[in-house]
Amino acid sequence: MTVPDEARLDPLAGISLRERRGASAERAPFYLPAGDEISIFEQAHRHQLAVMLKGPTGCGKTRFVEHMAARLARPLVLISCHDDLAASDLVGRYLIRNDGTVWQDGPLTRAVRSGAICYLDEVVEARQDTVVVIHSLTDHRRTLAIDKTGESIEAAAGFQLVVSYNPGYQRMLKDLKPSTRQRFIAIDFDFPSAEREARIVGHESGADGATVHALVALAARLRGLQDRGLAEVPSTRLLIAAARLIAGGIAPRSACYNAIVSPLSDDPTLLAAMRDLVDASFV
């Protein structure tokens, strides 16, 4: 029996997480491979290796993990990391209730016990003392120590730790320590080729072919503005959003202004340059 995905705010940690249970390969989220990343991930899962996904924002890292969890028929726990993410947010803590004090597992602990794939999205956003907690799960020990209860949990069969980060902008501010990085095999992601990106945008949005190809060509031009100070270039995710607006009846220029241009920058010079490219793409 398939249980619907659950999107919620974790009551223990106040962190955003999603849990997918009982998915099947037939219901796997759409993912168009670029190379051999699917077979590499499958072998990593088979050999109980932790995986690190590296690539720019919105290039398909999260979708890939969702696809692989369904393909492997494993539960998925997705945790969005942030600066205030503490070790107890992942592992668990004691809660005071009217009938006494009880221990409540955190999302990482639940994943370890149940044999789920645990995905830490943008892991370098978490505090370094939090990242250290995962070390014992990435080597031959495959255990999680809970200091507050004295328990040492051996990961259930099927458990796999997956992390992601964007080396493009995060390396300037923070990065994973070498001692952490070498605990993972790495799969590099980038924006799709024009042909592959068009297929993805078309499939996800339902927009017509001419619109899709115009958006992909626009994205290529906008990504060239990175050398002019654009911190984040348009992701495939933004193209899909614009395509959905257009397919729903919004004028192409307006859709691009609102779904692509405005989310990328507040700088007047960059906004003007991007608007000019949009106007040239949709005459």
C-alpha atoms as a PDB file:
ATOM      1  CA  MET A   1       0.000   0.000   0.000  1.00  0.00           C
ATOM      2  CA  THR A   2       1.345   3.426  -0.928  1.00  0.00           C
ATOM      3  CA  VAL A   3       1.128   6.169   1.659  1.00  0.00           C
ATOM      4  CA  PRO A   4       1.019   9.740   0.261  1.00  0.00           C
ATOM      5  CA  ASP A   5       4.026  12.012   0.740  1.00  0.00           C
ATOM      6  CA  GLU A   6       3.907  14.068   3.891  1.00  0.00           C
ATOM      7  CA  ALA A   7       5.071  17.675   3.924  1.00  0.00           C
ATOM      8  CA  ARG A   8       5.091  19.218   7.351  1.00  0.00           C
ATOM      9  CA  LEU A   9       6.901  21.168  10.029  1.00  0.00           C
ATOM     10  CA  ASP A  10       8.684  18.806  12.361  1.00  0.00           C
ATOM     11  CA  PRO A  11       7.240  19.435  15.846  1.00  0.00           C
ATOM     12  CA  LEU A  12      10.507  18.472  17.488  1.00  0.00           C
ATOM     13  CA  ALA A  13      12.903  20.729  15.653  1.00  0.00           C
ATOM     14  CA  GLY A  14      10.810  23.286  13.859  1.00  0.00           C
ATOM     15  CA  ILE A  15      12.560  22.278  10.634  1.00  0.00           C
ATOM     16  CA  SER A  16      11.028  21.648   7.274  1.00  0.00           C
ATOM     17  CA  LEU A  17      11.123  18.024   6.230  1.00  0.00           C
ATOM     18  CA  ARG A  18       9.318  15.692   3.906  1.00  0.00           C
ATOM     19  CA  GLU A  19       8.867  11.982   4.341  1.00  0.00           C
ATOM     20  CA  ARG A  20       8.015   9.698   1.440  1.00  0.00           C
ATOM     21  CA  ARG A  21       6.997   6.173   2.341  1.00  0.00           C
ATOM     22  CA  GLY A  22       6.281   3.084   0.308  1.00  0.00           C
ATOM     23  CA  ALA A  23       6.937   4.601  -3.131  1.00  0.00           C
ATOM     24  CA  SER A  24       7.562   2.370  -6.123  1.00  0.00           C
ATOM     25  CA  ALA A  25       9.686   2.628  -9.248  1.00  0.00           C
ATOM     26  CA  GLU A  26       6.521   3.010 -11.325  1.00  0.00           C
ATOM     27  CA  ARG A  27       5.566   6.112  -9.338  1.00  0.00           C
ATOM     28  CA  ALA A  28       9.057   7.608  -9.217  1.00  0.00           C
ATOM     29  CA  PRO A  29       9.169  11.379  -9.793  1.00  0.00           C
ATOM     30  CA  PHE A  30      10.235  12.252 -13.330  1.00  0.00           C
ATOM     31  CA  TYR A  31      14.005  12.487 -13.723  1.00  0.00           C
ATOM     32  CA  LEU A  32      15.967  12.594 -16.969  1.00  0.00           C
ATOM     33  CA  PRO A  33      19.522  11.287 -16.413  1.00  0.00           C
ATOM     34  CA  ALA A  34      22.548  13.165 -17.716  1.00  0.00           C
ATOM     35  CA  GLY A  35      25.027  10.305 -17.411  1.00  0.00           C
ATOM     36  CA  ASP A  36      25.552   7.301 -15.178  1.00  0.00           C
ATOM     37  CA  GLU A  37      24.419   8.965 -11.950  1.00  0.00           C
ATOM     38  CA  ILE A  38      21.561   6.487 -11.478  1.00  0.00           C
ATOM     39  CA  SER A  39      23.787   3.406 -11.634  1.00  0.00           C
ATOM     40  CA  ILE A  40      26.399   5.077  -9.405  1.00  0.00           C
ATOM     41  CA  PHE A  41      23.776   5.853  -6.773  1.00  0.00           C
ATOM     42  CA  GLU A  42      22.355   2.334  -6.973  1.00  0.00           C
ATOM     43  CA  GLN A  43      25.782   0.822  -6.385  1.00  0.00           C
ATOM     44  CA  ALA A  44      26.467   3.259  -3.552  1.00  0.00           C
ATOM     45  CA  HIS A  45      23.215   2.196  -1.927  1.00  0.00           C
ATOM     46  CA  ARG A  46      24.043  -1.469  -2.425  1.00  0.00           C
ATOM     47  CA  HIS A  47      27.467  -1.057  -0.821  1.00  0.00           C
ATOM     48  CA  GLN A  48      26.215   1.220   1.985  1.00  0.00           C
ATOM     49  CA  LEU A  49      28.189   4.271   0.845  1.00  0.00           C
ATOM     50  CA  ALA A  50      27.209   7.811   1.757  1.00  0.00           C
ATOM     51  CA  VAL A  51      26.652  10.135  -1.204  1.00  0.00           C
ATOM     52  CA  MET A  52      27.342  13.843  -1.687  1.00  0.00           C
ATOM     53  CA  LEU A  53      25.563  15.712  -4.488  1.00  0.00           C
ATOM     54  CA  LYS A  54      27.333  18.851  -5.714  1.00  0.00           C
ATOM     55  CA  GLY A  55      25.819  21.411  -8.043  1.00  0.00           C
ATOM     56  CA  PRO A  56      24.088  24.767  -8.473  1.00  0.00           C
ATOM     57  CA  THR A  57      20.718  25.623  -7.016  1.00  0.00           C
ATOM     58  CA  GLY A  58      17.767  24.214  -8.910  1.00  0.00           C
ATOM     59  CA  CYS A  59      19.680  21.824 -11.163  1.00  0.00           C
ATOM     60  CA  GLY A  60      17.808  18.692 -10.037  1.00  0.00           C
ATOM     61  CA  LYS A  61      19.659  17.355  -6.972  1.00  0.00           C
ATOM     62  CA  THR A  62      16.566  17.003  -4.789  1.00  0.00           C
ATOM     63  CA  ARG A  63      14.479  15.593  -7.626  1.00  0.00           C
ATOM     64  CA  PHE A  64      17.226  13.022  -8.246  1.00  0.00           C
ATOM     65  CA  VAL A  65      17.132  11.860  -4.608  1.00  0.00           C
ATOM     66  CA  GLU A  66      13.334  11.625  -4.683  1.00  0.00           C
ATOM     67  CA  HIS A  67      13.556   9.626  -7.898  1.00  0.00           C
ATOM     68  CA  MET A  68      16.179   7.251  -6.478  1.00  0.00           C
ATOM     69  CA  ALA A  69      14.272   6.704  -3.223  1.00  0.00           C
ATOM     70  CA  ALA A  70      11.230   5.630  -5.229  1.00  0.00           C
ATOM     71  CA  ARG A  71      13.349   3.575  -7.628  1.00  0.00           C
ATOM     72  CA  LEU A  72      14.930   1.741  -4.689  1.00  0.00           C
ATOM     73  CA  ALA A  73      11.588   1.520  -2.835  1.00  0.00           C
ATOM     74  CA  ARG A  74      13.057   3.180   0.248  1.00  0.00           C
ATOM     75  CA  PRO A  75      11.416   5.694   2.598  1.00  0.00           C
ATOM     76  CA  LEU A  76      12.877   9.191   2.215  1.00  0.00           C
ATOM     77  CA  VAL A  77      13.454  11.750   4.959  1.00  0.00           C
ATOM     78  CA  LEU A  78      14.388  15.148   3.536  1.00  0.00           C
ATOM     79  CA  ILE A  79      15.822  17.774   5.886  1.00  0.00           C
ATOM     80  CA  SER A  80      16.474  21.367   4.809  1.00  0.00           C
ATOM     81  CA  CYS A  81      19.559  22.563   6.689  1.00  0.00           C
ATOM     82  CA  HIS A  82      19.993  26.075   8.081  1.00  0.00           C
ATOM     83  CA  ASP A  83      22.262  28.068  10.403  1.00  0.00           C
ATOM     84  CA  ASP A  84      20.286  27.244  13.548  1.00  0.00           C
ATOM     85  CA  LEU A  85      20.103  23.500  12.911  1.00  0.00           C
ATOM     86  CA  ALA A  86      21.476  21.872  16.072  1.00  0.00           C
ATOM     87  CA  ALA A  87      22.533  18.278  16.644  1.00  0.00           C
ATOM     88  CA  SER A  88      19.502  17.727  18.873  1.00  0.00           C
ATOM     89  CA  ASP A  89      17.251  18.834  16.018  1.00  0.00           C
ATOM     90  CA  LEU A  90      18.517  15.843  14.041  1.00  0.00           C
ATOM     91  CA  VAL A  91      19.014  13.280  16.798  1.00  0.00           C
ATOM     92  CA  GLY A  92      16.187  14.086  19.221  1.00  0.00           C
ATOM     93  CA  ARG A  93      15.575  15.481  22.687  1.00  0.00           C
ATOM     94  CA  TYR A  94      13.620  15.003  25.873  1.00  0.00           C
ATOM     95  CA  LEU A  95      10.209  16.655  25.921  1.00  0.00           C
ATOM     96  CA  ILE A  96       8.314  17.635  29.055  1.00  0.00           C
ATOM     97  CA  ARG A  97       4.681  16.605  29.025  1.00  0.00           C
ATOM     98  CA  ASN A  98       1.949  16.671  31.605  1.00  0.00           C
ATOM     99  CA  ASP A  99       2.570  12.984  32.337  1.00  0.00           C
ATOM    100  CA  GLY A 100       6.363  13.277  32.614  1.00  0.00           C
ATOM    101  CA  THR A 101       9.497  13.571  30.513  1.00  0.00           C
ATOM    102  CA  VAL A 102       9.746  11.491  27.345  1.00  0.00           C
ATOM    103  CA  TRP A 103      12.368  11.051  24.675  1.00  0.00           C
ATOM    104  CA  GLN A 104      11.409  11.875  21.082  1.00  0.00           C
ATOM    105  CA  ASP A 105      13.552  10.820  18.145  1.00  0.00           C
ATOM    106  CA  GLY A 106      14.627  13.423  15.633  1.00  0.00           C
ATOM    107  CA  PRO A 107      14.313  12.890  11.864  1.00  0.00           C
ATOM    108  CA  LEU A 108      17.835  11.490  11.465  1.00  0.00           C
ATOM    109  CA  THR A 109      17.263   8.965  14.245  1.00  0.00           C
ATOM    110  CA  ARG A 110      13.951   7.905  12.717  1.00  0.00           C
ATOM    111  CA  ALA A 111      15.682   7.373   9.382  1.00  0.00           C
ATOM    112  CA  VAL A 112      18.438   5.289  10.999  1.00  0.00           C
ATOM    113  CA  ARG A 113      15.930   3.088  12.833  1.00  0.00           C
ATOM    114  CA  SER A 114      13.657   2.576   9.820  1.00  0.00           C
ATOM    115  CA  GLY A 115      16.291   2.081   7.117  1.00  0.00           C
ATOM    116  CA  ALA A 116      15.293   5.190   5.195  1.00  0.00           C
ATOM    117  CA  ILE A 117      17.331   7.379   2.876  1.00  0.00           C
ATOM    118  CA  CYS A 118      18.098  10.558   4.827  1.00  0.00           C
ATOM    119  CA  TYR A 119      18.804  13.596   2.659  1.00  0.00           C
ATOM    120  CA  LEU A 120      20.422  16.665   4.220  1.00  0.00           C
ATOM    121  CA  ASP A 121      19.803  19.431   1.703  1.00  0.00           C
ATOM    122  CA  GLU A 122      22.466  22.195   1.634  1.00  0.00           C
ATOM    123  CA  VAL A 123      24.349  20.531   4.457  1.00  0.00           C
ATOM    124  CA  VAL A 124      26.981  23.273   4.837  1.00  0.00           C
ATOM    125  CA  GLU A 125      24.243  25.589   6.060  1.00  0.00           C
ATOM    126  CA  ALA A 126      24.107  23.522   9.262  1.00  0.00           C
ATOM    127  CA  ARG A 127      26.437  24.263  12.164  1.00  0.00           C
ATOM    128  CA  GLN A 128      29.728  22.378  12.093  1.00  0.00           C
ATOM    129  CA  ASP A 129      29.055  20.659  15.430  1.00  0.00           C
ATOM    130  CA  THR A 130      25.865  19.340  13.869  1.00  0.00           C
ATOM    131  CA  VAL A 131      27.670  17.942  10.827  1.00  0.00           C
ATOM    132  CA  VAL A 132      30.041  15.979  13.091  1.00  0.00           C
ATOM    133  CA  VAL A 133      27.065  13.944  14.346  1.00  0.00           C
ATOM    134  CA  ILE A 134      26.750  12.201  10.986  1.00  0.00           C
ATOM    135  CA  HIS A 135      30.385  10.995  10.813  1.00  0.00           C
ATOM    136  CA  SER A 136      29.759   7.644  12.478  1.00  0.00           C
ATOM    137  CA  LEU A 137      27.004   6.934   9.948  1.00  0.00           C
ATOM    138  CA  THR A 138      29.311   7.398   6.961  1.00  0.00           C
ATOM    139  CA  ASP A 139      31.921   4.746   7.671  1.00  0.00           C
ATOM    140  CA  HIS A 140      32.059   1.053   8.598  1.00  0.00           C
ATOM    141  CA  ARG A 141      30.391   1.681  11.967  1.00  0.00           C
ATOM    142  CA  ARG A 142      27.038   2.840  10.552  1.00  0.00           C
ATOM    143  CA  THR A 143      25.916   3.788  14.031  1.00  0.00           C
ATOM    144  CA  LEU A 144      24.334   6.821  15.645  1.00  0.00           C
ATOM    145  CA  ALA A 145      25.248   7.576  19.241  1.00  0.00           C
ATOM    146  CA  ILE A 146      22.634   9.321  21.362  1.00  0.00           C
ATOM    147  CA  ASP A 147      24.561  10.766  24.281  1.00  0.00           C
ATOM    148  CA  LYS A 148      21.478  11.849  26.230  1.00  0.00           C
ATOM    149  CA  THR A 149      20.056   8.323  26.367  1.00  0.00           C
ATOM    150  CA  GLY A 150      23.313   6.362  26.204  1.00  0.00           C
ATOM    151  CA  GLU A 151      21.992   4.502  23.180  1.00  0.00           C
ATOM    152  CA  SER A 152      24.048   3.500  20.158  1.00  0.00           C
ATOM    153  CA  ILE A 153      21.789   2.707  17.204  1.00  0.00           C
ATOM    154  CA  GLU A 154      22.997   0.501  14.395  1.00  0.00           C
ATOM    155  CA  ALA A 155      21.578   1.654  11.077  1.00  0.00           C
ATOM    156  CA  ALA A 156      18.848  -0.606   9.766  1.00  0.00           C
ATOM    157  CA  ALA A 157      19.265  -2.296   6.398  1.00  0.00           C
ATOM    158  CA  GLY A 158      18.595   0.161   3.589  1.00  0.00           C
ATOM    159  CA  PHE A 159      19.664   3.271   5.495  1.00  0.00           C
ATOM    160  CA  GLN A 160      21.701   5.679   3.398  1.00  0.00           C
ATOM    161  CA  LEU A 161      22.940   9.182   4.111  1.00  0.00           C
ATOM    162  CA  VAL A 162      22.859  11.680   1.251  1.00  0.00           C
ATOM    163  CA  VAL A 163      23.929  15.328   1.456  1.00  0.00           C
ATOM    164  CA  SER A 164      23.976  18.151  -1.054  1.00  0.00           C
ATOM    165  CA  TYR A 165      25.504  21.575  -1.388  1.00  0.00           C
ATOM    166  CA  ASN A 166      26.177  24.291  -3.909  1.00  0.00           C
ATOM    167  CA  PRO A 167      29.957  24.809  -4.177  1.00  0.00           C
ATOM    168  CA  GLY A 168      29.478  27.842  -6.428  1.00  0.00           C
ATOM    169  CA  TYR A 169      28.482  30.331  -3.735  1.00  0.00           C
ATOM    170  CA  GLN A 170      28.846  28.445  -0.480  1.00  0.00           C
ATOM    171  CA  ARG A 171      32.581  27.896  -0.865  1.00  0.00           C
ATOM    172  CA  MET A 172      33.093  31.659  -0.560  1.00  0.00           C
ATOM    173  CA  LEU A 173      31.469  31.663   2.880  1.00  0.00           C
ATOM    174  CA  LYS A 174      31.658  28.146   4.290  1.00  0.00           C
ATOM    175  CA  ASP A 175      32.606  24.691   3.136  1.00  0.00           C
ATOM    176  CA  LEU A 176      32.691  21.122   4.352  1.00  0.00           C
ATOM    177  CA  LYS A 177      35.834  20.110   6.184  1.00  0.00           C
ATOM    178  CA  PRO A 178      38.094  17.662   4.319  1.00  0.00           C
ATOM    179  CA  SER A 179      37.517  15.117   7.084  1.00  0.00           C
ATOM    180  CA  THR A 180      33.805  15.252   6.283  1.00  0.00           C
ATOM    181  CA  ARG A 181      34.053  15.413   2.489  1.00  0.00           C
ATOM    182  CA  GLN A 182      36.160  12.248   2.308  1.00  0.00           C
ATOM    183  CA  ARG A 183      33.413  10.240   3.956  1.00  0.00           C
ATOM    184  CA  PHE A 184      31.238  10.506   0.826  1.00  0.00           C
ATOM    185  CA  ILE A 185      31.376   9.561  -2.788  1.00  0.00           C
ATOM    186  CA  ALA A 186      30.513  12.635  -4.866  1.00  0.00           C
ATOM    187  CA  ILE A 187      28.203  13.007  -7.837  1.00  0.00           C
ATOM    188  CA  ASP A 188      28.559  16.291  -9.717  1.00  0.00           C
ATOM    189  CA  PHE A 189      25.454  17.984 -11.087  1.00  0.00           C
ATOM    190  CA  ASP A 190      25.134  20.924 -13.454  1.00  0.00           C
ATOM    191  CA  PHE A 191      22.418  22.531 -15.522  1.00  0.00           C
ATOM    192  CA  PRO A 192      21.193  20.216 -18.276  1.00  0.00           C
ATOM    193  CA  SER A 193      22.168  20.549 -21.892  1.00  0.00           C
ATOM    194  CA  ALA A 194      19.738  22.650 -23.952  1.00  0.00           C
ATOM    195  CA  GLU A 195      18.042  19.594 -25.448  1.00  0.00           C
ATOM    196  CA  ARG A 196      17.719  17.812 -22.120  1.00  0.00           C
ATOM    197  CA  GLU A 197      16.539  20.962 -20.330  1.00  0.00           C
ATOM    198  CA  ALA A 198      13.865  21.513 -22.967  1.00  0.00           C
ATOM    199  CA  ARG A 199      12.582  17.973 -22.450  1.00  0.00           C
ATOM    200  CA  ILE A 200      12.462  18.487 -18.681  1.00  0.00           C
ATOM    201  CA  VAL A 201      10.720  21.872 -18.847  1.00  0.00           C
ATOM    202  CA  GLY A 202       8.227  20.589 -21.395  1.00  0.00           C
ATOM    203  CA  HIS A 203       7.399  17.491 -19.366  1.00  0.00           C
ATOM    204  CA  GLU A 204       7.009  19.375 -16.087  1.00  0.00           C
ATOM    205  CA  SER A 205       5.045  22.359 -17.423  1.00  0.00           C
ATOM    206  CA  GLY A 206       2.964  21.164 -20.355  1.00  0.00           C
ATOM    207  CA  ALA A 207       4.008  24.262 -22.326  1.00  0.00           C
ATOM    208  CA  ASP A 208       4.309  24.078 -26.099  1.00  0.00           C
ATOM    209  CA  GLY A 209       7.620  23.350 -27.798  1.00  0.00           C
ATOM    210  CA  ALA A 210       8.234  26.877 -29.089  1.00  0.00           C
ATOM    211  CA  THR A 211       7.779  28.364 -25.611  1.00  0.00           C
ATOM    212  CA  VAL A 212      10.003  25.764 -23.997  1.00  0.00           C
ATOM    213  CA  HIS A 213      12.850  26.274 -26.462  1.00  0.00           C
ATOM    214  CA  ALA A 214      12.590  30.060 -26.124  1.00  0.00           C
ATOM    215  CA  LEU A 215      12.850  29.759 -22.326  1.00  0.00           C
ATOM    216  CA  VAL A 216      15.866  27.455 -22.534  1.00  0.00           C
ATOM    217  CA  ALA A 217      17.602  29.834 -24.948  1.00  0.00           C
ATOM    218  CA  LEU A 218      16.799  32.734 -22.614  1.00  0.00           C
ATOM    219  CA  ALA A 219      18.288  30.842 -19.678  1.00  0.00           C
ATOM    220  CA  ALA A 220      21.532  30.319 -21.587  1.00  0.00           C
ATOM    221  CA  ARG A 221      21.801  34.085 -22.173  1.00  0.00           C
ATOM    222  CA  LEU A 222      20.925  34.938 -18.577  1.00  0.00           C
ATOM    223  CA  ARG A 223      23.491  32.502 -17.240  1.00  0.00           C
ATOM    224  CA  GLY A 224      26.108  34.459 -19.121  1.00  0.00           C
ATOM    225  CA  LEU A 225      25.435  37.363 -16.744  1.00  0.00           C
ATOM    226  CA  GLN A 226      27.121  35.536 -13.868  1.00  0.00           C
ATOM    227  CA  ASP A 227      30.388  37.239 -14.802  1.00  0.00           C
ATOM    228  CA  ARG A 228      28.616  40.595 -14.436  1.00  0.00           C
ATOM    229  CA  GLY A 229      27.702  40.033 -10.809  1.00  0.00           C
ATOM    230  CA  LEU A 230      24.628  37.822 -10.905  1.00  0.00           C
ATOM    231  CA  ALA A 231      25.048  35.706  -7.756  1.00  0.00           C
ATOM    232  CA  GLU A 232      22.604  32.993  -8.802  1.00  0.00           C
ATOM    233  CA  VAL A 233      21.788  32.182 -12.404  1.00  0.00           C
ATOM    234  CA  PRO A 234      18.335  30.955 -13.476  1.00  0.00           C
ATOM    235  CA  SER A 235      17.702  27.356 -12.536  1.00  0.00           C
ATOM    236  CA  THR A 236      15.708  24.768 -14.407  1.00  0.00           C
ATOM    237  CA  ARG A 237      13.192  25.124 -11.585  1.00  0.00           C
ATOM    238  CA  LEU A 238      12.599  28.774 -12.487  1.00  0.00           C
ATOM    239  CA  LEU A 239      12.165  27.891 -16.151  1.00  0.00           C
ATOM    240  CA  ILE A 240       9.495  25.359 -15.216  1.00  0.00           C
ATOM    241  CA  ALA A 241       7.694  27.981 -13.124  1.00  0.00           C
ATOM    242  CA  ALA A 242       7.708  30.453 -16.015  1.00  0.00           C
ATOM    243  CA  ALA A 243       6.561  27.771 -18.470  1.00  0.00           C
ATOM    244  CA  ARG A 244       3.646  26.835 -16.205  1.00  0.00           C
ATOM    245  CA  LEU A 245       2.540  30.472 -16.026  1.00  0.00           C
ATOM    246  CA  ILE A 246       2.701  30.781 -19.791  1.00  0.00           C
ATOM    247  CA  ALA A 247       0.817  27.514 -20.276  1.00  0.00           C
ATOM    248  CA  GLY A 248      -1.823  28.912 -17.927  1.00  0.00           C
ATOM    249  CA  GLY A 249      -2.368  31.991 -20.070  1.00  0.00           C
ATOM    250  CA  ILE A 250       0.101  34.547 -18.664  1.00  0.00           C
ATOM    251  CA  ALA A 251       1.904  36.615 -21.331  1.00  0.00           C
ATOM    252  CA  PRO A 252       5.442  35.241 -21.871  1.00  0.00           C
ATOM    253  CA  ARG A 253       7.243  38.470 -20.983  1.00  0.00           C
ATOM    254  CA  SER A 254       5.238  38.935 -17.796  1.00  0.00           C
ATOM    255  CA  ALA A 255       5.776  35.302 -16.830  1.00  0.00           C
ATOM    256  CA  CYS A 256       9.531  35.660 -17.320  1.00  0.00           C
ATOM    257  CA  TYR A 257       9.698  38.935 -15.391  1.00  0.00           C
ATOM    258  CA  ASN A 258       7.898  37.430 -12.411  1.00  0.00           C
ATOM    259  CA  ALA A 259       9.172  33.846 -12.405  1.00  0.00           C
ATOM    260  CA  ILE A 260      12.765  34.305 -13.601  1.00  0.00           C
ATOM    261  CA  VAL A 261      14.024  37.898 -13.508  1.00  0.00           C
ATOM    262  CA  SER A 262      12.628  39.221 -10.241  1.00  0.00           C
ATOM    263  CA  PRO A 263      13.646  36.230  -8.056  1.00  0.00           C
ATOM    264  CA  LEU A 264      17.273  36.483  -9.210  1.00  0.00           C
ATOM    265  CA  SER A 265      18.247  40.007  -8.221  1.00  0.00           C
ATOM    266  CA  ASP A 266      17.230  43.384  -6.802  1.00  0.00           C
ATOM    267  CA  ASP A 267      20.064  45.247  -8.517  1.00  0.00           C
ATOM    268  CA  PRO A 268      18.563  47.794 -10.964  1.00  0.00           C
ATOM    269  CA  THR A 269      21.351  47.365 -13.506  1.00  0.00           C
ATOM    270  CA  LEU A 270      21.090  43.580 -13.558  1.00  0.00           C
ATOM    271  CA  LEU A 271      17.297  43.717 -13.640  1.00  0.00           C
ATOM    272  CA  ALA A 272      17.392  46.020 -16.654  1.00  0.00           C
ATOM    273  CA  ALA A 273      19.865  43.748 -18.451  1.00  0.00           C
ATOM    274  CA  MET A 274      17.752  40.675 -17.778  1.00  0.00           C
ATOM    275  CA  ARG A 275      14.559  42.398 -18.884  1.00  0.00           C
ATOM    276  CA  ASP A 276      16.231  43.383 -22.142  1.00  0.00           C
ATOM    277  CA  LEU A 277      17.123  39.747 -22.764  1.00  0.00           C
ATOM    278  CA  VAL A 278      13.547  38.678 -22.039  1.00  0.00           C
ATOM    279  CA  ASP A 279      12.185  41.294 -24.441  1.00  0.00           C
ATOM    280  CA  ALA A 280      14.587  40.111 -27.146  1.00  0.00           C
ATOM    281  CA  SER A 281      13.556  36.472 -26.598  1.00  0.00           C
ATOM    282  CA  PHE A 282       9.789  37.076 -26.754  1.00  0.00           C
ATOM    283  CA  VAL A 283       9.119  39.702 -29.392  1.00  0.00           C
END
